[in-house]
Amino acid sequence: MPDYYRILEVDPQASKEVIEKAYRALSLKYHPDKHQGNKKEAATRKWMEIREAYDVLSDENKRAAYDRVRRREIIDVFLSEGLIGLARKYLR
């Protein structure tokens, strides 16, 4: 599961306003029309990730569902791999 908070470079406790501001800044930075050649393809992929993350985190219901699944994933990683596994997954 992608880490939408990491993609938008915001804290999981971020307000809706902070998420929107981050989305706008990153969307402008990675917009495909601002890049050429090989960089355009990479920027397009990143831009689509940013749009997907914003789509989920900007909607109250989708964000709540995402947070529940994310918490469950964190607990599962901790129980199966301990702190080292958790650090590998979330601190890269």
C-alpha atoms as a PDB file:
ATOM      1  CA  MET A   1       0.000   0.000   0.000  1.00  0.00           C
ATOM      2  CA  PRO A   2       1.444   3.394  -0.918  1.00  0.00           C
ATOM      3  CA  ASP A   3       2.164   5.838   1.892  1.00  0.00           C
ATOM      4  CA  TYR A   4       0.065   8.797   0.823  1.00  0.00           C
ATOM      5  CA  TYR A   5       1.355  10.978   3.636  1.00  0.00           C
ATOM      6  CA  ARG A   6       4.918  10.429   2.473  1.00  0.00           C
ATOM      7  CA  ILE A   7       3.965  11.084  -1.151  1.00  0.00           C
ATOM      8  CA  LEU A   8       2.450  14.460  -0.186  1.00  0.00           C
ATOM      9  CA  GLU A   9       5.294  15.081   2.286  1.00  0.00           C
ATOM     10  CA  VAL A  10       2.925  15.770   5.184  1.00  0.00           C
ATOM     11  CA  ASP A  11       2.488  14.453   8.706  1.00  0.00           C
ATOM     12  CA  PRO A  12      -0.331  11.918   9.244  1.00  0.00           C
ATOM     13  CA  GLN A  13      -1.922  14.452  11.615  1.00  0.00           C
ATOM     14  CA  ALA A  14      -1.900  17.199   8.960  1.00  0.00           C
ATOM     15  CA  SER A  15      -5.014  19.296   8.534  1.00  0.00           C
ATOM     16  CA  LYS A  16      -7.022  19.356   5.337  1.00  0.00           C
ATOM     17  CA  GLU A  17      -5.567  22.793   4.579  1.00  0.00           C
ATOM     18  CA  VAL A  18      -1.966  21.569   4.942  1.00  0.00           C
ATOM     19  CA  ILE A  19      -2.714  18.600   2.684  1.00  0.00           C
ATOM     20  CA  GLU A  20      -4.228  20.875   0.046  1.00  0.00           C
ATOM     21  CA  LYS A  21      -1.269  23.256   0.183  1.00  0.00           C
ATOM     22  CA  ALA A  22       1.206  20.372  -0.178  1.00  0.00           C
ATOM     23  CA  TYR A  23      -0.801  18.940  -3.059  1.00  0.00           C
ATOM     24  CA  ARG A  24      -0.819  22.233  -4.940  1.00  0.00           C
ATOM     25  CA  ALA A  25       2.915  22.780  -4.491  1.00  0.00           C
ATOM     26  CA  LEU A  26       3.871  19.235  -5.510  1.00  0.00           C
ATOM     27  CA  SER A  27       1.380  19.165  -8.358  1.00  0.00           C
ATOM     28  CA  LEU A  28       2.950  22.283  -9.843  1.00  0.00           C
ATOM     29  CA  LYS A  29       6.473  20.957  -9.300  1.00  0.00           C
ATOM     30  CA  TYR A  30       5.833  17.606 -11.022  1.00  0.00           C
ATOM     31  CA  HIS A  31       3.262  18.630 -13.632  1.00  0.00           C
ATOM     32  CA  PRO A  32       4.160  16.806 -16.878  1.00  0.00           C
ATOM     33  CA  ASP A  33       3.912  19.984 -18.966  1.00  0.00           C
ATOM     34  CA  LYS A  34       6.867  21.455 -17.063  1.00  0.00           C
ATOM     35  CA  HIS A  35       9.233  18.611 -18.040  1.00  0.00           C
ATOM     36  CA  GLN A  36      10.723  17.266 -21.259  1.00  0.00           C
ATOM     37  CA  GLY A  37      12.278  14.045 -22.497  1.00  0.00           C
ATOM     38  CA  ASN A  38      12.983  11.279 -19.985  1.00  0.00           C
ATOM     39  CA  LYS A  39      12.135  13.590 -17.095  1.00  0.00           C
ATOM     40  CA  LYS A  40       8.605  14.037 -18.418  1.00  0.00           C
ATOM     41  CA  GLU A  41       7.824  10.344 -18.033  1.00  0.00           C
ATOM     42  CA  ALA A  42       9.102  10.241 -14.443  1.00  0.00           C
ATOM     43  CA  ALA A  43       7.303  13.487 -13.615  1.00  0.00           C
ATOM     44  CA  THR A  44       4.060  12.091 -15.026  1.00  0.00           C
ATOM     45  CA  ARG A  45       4.300   9.011 -12.792  1.00  0.00           C
ATOM     46  CA  LYS A  46       5.051  11.157  -9.735  1.00  0.00           C
ATOM     47  CA  TRP A  47       2.254  13.591 -10.617  1.00  0.00           C
ATOM     48  CA  MET A  48      -0.240  10.712 -10.845  1.00  0.00           C
ATOM     49  CA  GLU A  49       0.898   9.401  -7.425  1.00  0.00           C
ATOM     50  CA  ILE A  50       0.389  12.878  -5.988  1.00  0.00           C
ATOM     51  CA  ARG A  51      -3.108  13.114  -7.476  1.00  0.00           C
ATOM     52  CA  GLU A  52      -4.046   9.670  -6.108  1.00  0.00           C
ATOM     53  CA  ALA A  53      -2.738  10.562  -2.637  1.00  0.00           C
ATOM     54  CA  TYR A  54      -4.661  13.831  -2.636  1.00  0.00           C
ATOM     55  CA  ASP A  55      -7.825  12.105  -3.836  1.00  0.00           C
ATOM     56  CA  VAL A  56      -7.741   9.841  -0.785  1.00  0.00           C
ATOM     57  CA  LEU A  57      -6.479  12.260   1.864  1.00  0.00           C
ATOM     58  CA  SER A  58      -8.745  15.146   0.862  1.00  0.00           C
ATOM     59  CA  ASP A  59     -11.914  13.074   1.291  1.00  0.00           C
ATOM     60  CA  GLU A  60     -12.878  12.553   4.955  1.00  0.00           C
ATOM     61  CA  ASN A  61     -14.341   9.073   4.455  1.00  0.00           C
ATOM     62  CA  LYS A  62     -11.555   7.812   2.196  1.00  0.00           C
ATOM     63  CA  ARG A  63      -8.925   9.192   4.579  1.00  0.00           C
ATOM     64  CA  ALA A  64     -10.527   7.498   7.593  1.00  0.00           C
ATOM     65  CA  ALA A  65     -10.640   4.167   5.753  1.00  0.00           C
ATOM     66  CA  TYR A  66      -7.042   4.600   4.567  1.00  0.00           C
ATOM     67  CA  ASP A  67      -5.876   5.433   8.107  1.00  0.00           C
ATOM     68  CA  ARG A  68      -7.550   2.287   9.493  1.00  0.00           C
ATOM     69  CA  VAL A  69      -5.811   0.084   6.918  1.00  0.00           C
ATOM     70  CA  ARG A  70      -2.503   1.914   7.451  1.00  0.00           C
ATOM     71  CA  ARG A  71      -2.654   1.420  11.234  1.00  0.00           C
ATOM     72  CA  ARG A  72      -3.416  -2.272  10.744  1.00  0.00           C
ATOM     73  CA  GLU A  73      -0.455  -2.590   8.369  1.00  0.00           C
ATOM     74  CA  ILE A  74       1.860  -0.879  10.875  1.00  0.00           C
ATOM     75  CA  ILE A  75       0.729  -3.232  13.635  1.00  0.00           C
ATOM     76  CA  ASP A  76       1.161  -6.278  11.373  1.00  0.00           C
ATOM     77  CA  VAL A  77       4.691  -5.241  10.376  1.00  0.00           C
ATOM     78  CA  PHE A  78       5.613  -4.608  14.003  1.00  0.00           C
ATOM     79  CA  LEU A  79       4.240  -7.972  15.146  1.00  0.00           C
ATOM     80  CA  SER A  80       5.927  -9.921  12.365  1.00  0.00           C
ATOM     81  CA  GLU A  81       9.228  -8.038  11.998  1.00  0.00           C
ATOM     82  CA  GLY A  82       9.608  -5.963  15.159  1.00  0.00           C
ATOM     83  CA  LEU A  83      11.006  -2.459  15.360  1.00  0.00           C
ATOM     84  CA  ILE A  84      13.699  -3.100  12.762  1.00  0.00           C
ATOM     85  CA  GLY A  85      11.133  -4.148  10.161  1.00  0.00           C
ATOM     86  CA  LEU A  86       8.953  -1.190  11.024  1.00  0.00           C
ATOM     87  CA  ALA A  87      11.879   1.191  10.657  1.00  0.00           C
ATOM     88  CA  ARG A  88      12.842  -0.359   7.302  1.00  0.00           C
ATOM     89  CA  LYS A  89       9.327   0.067   5.946  1.00  0.00           C
ATOM     90  CA  TYR A  90       8.517   3.561   7.200  1.00  0.00           C
ATOM     91  CA  LEU A  91      11.856   5.323   7.544  1.00  0.00           C
ATOM     92  CA  ARG A  92      13.333   4.773   4.098  1.00  0.00           C
END
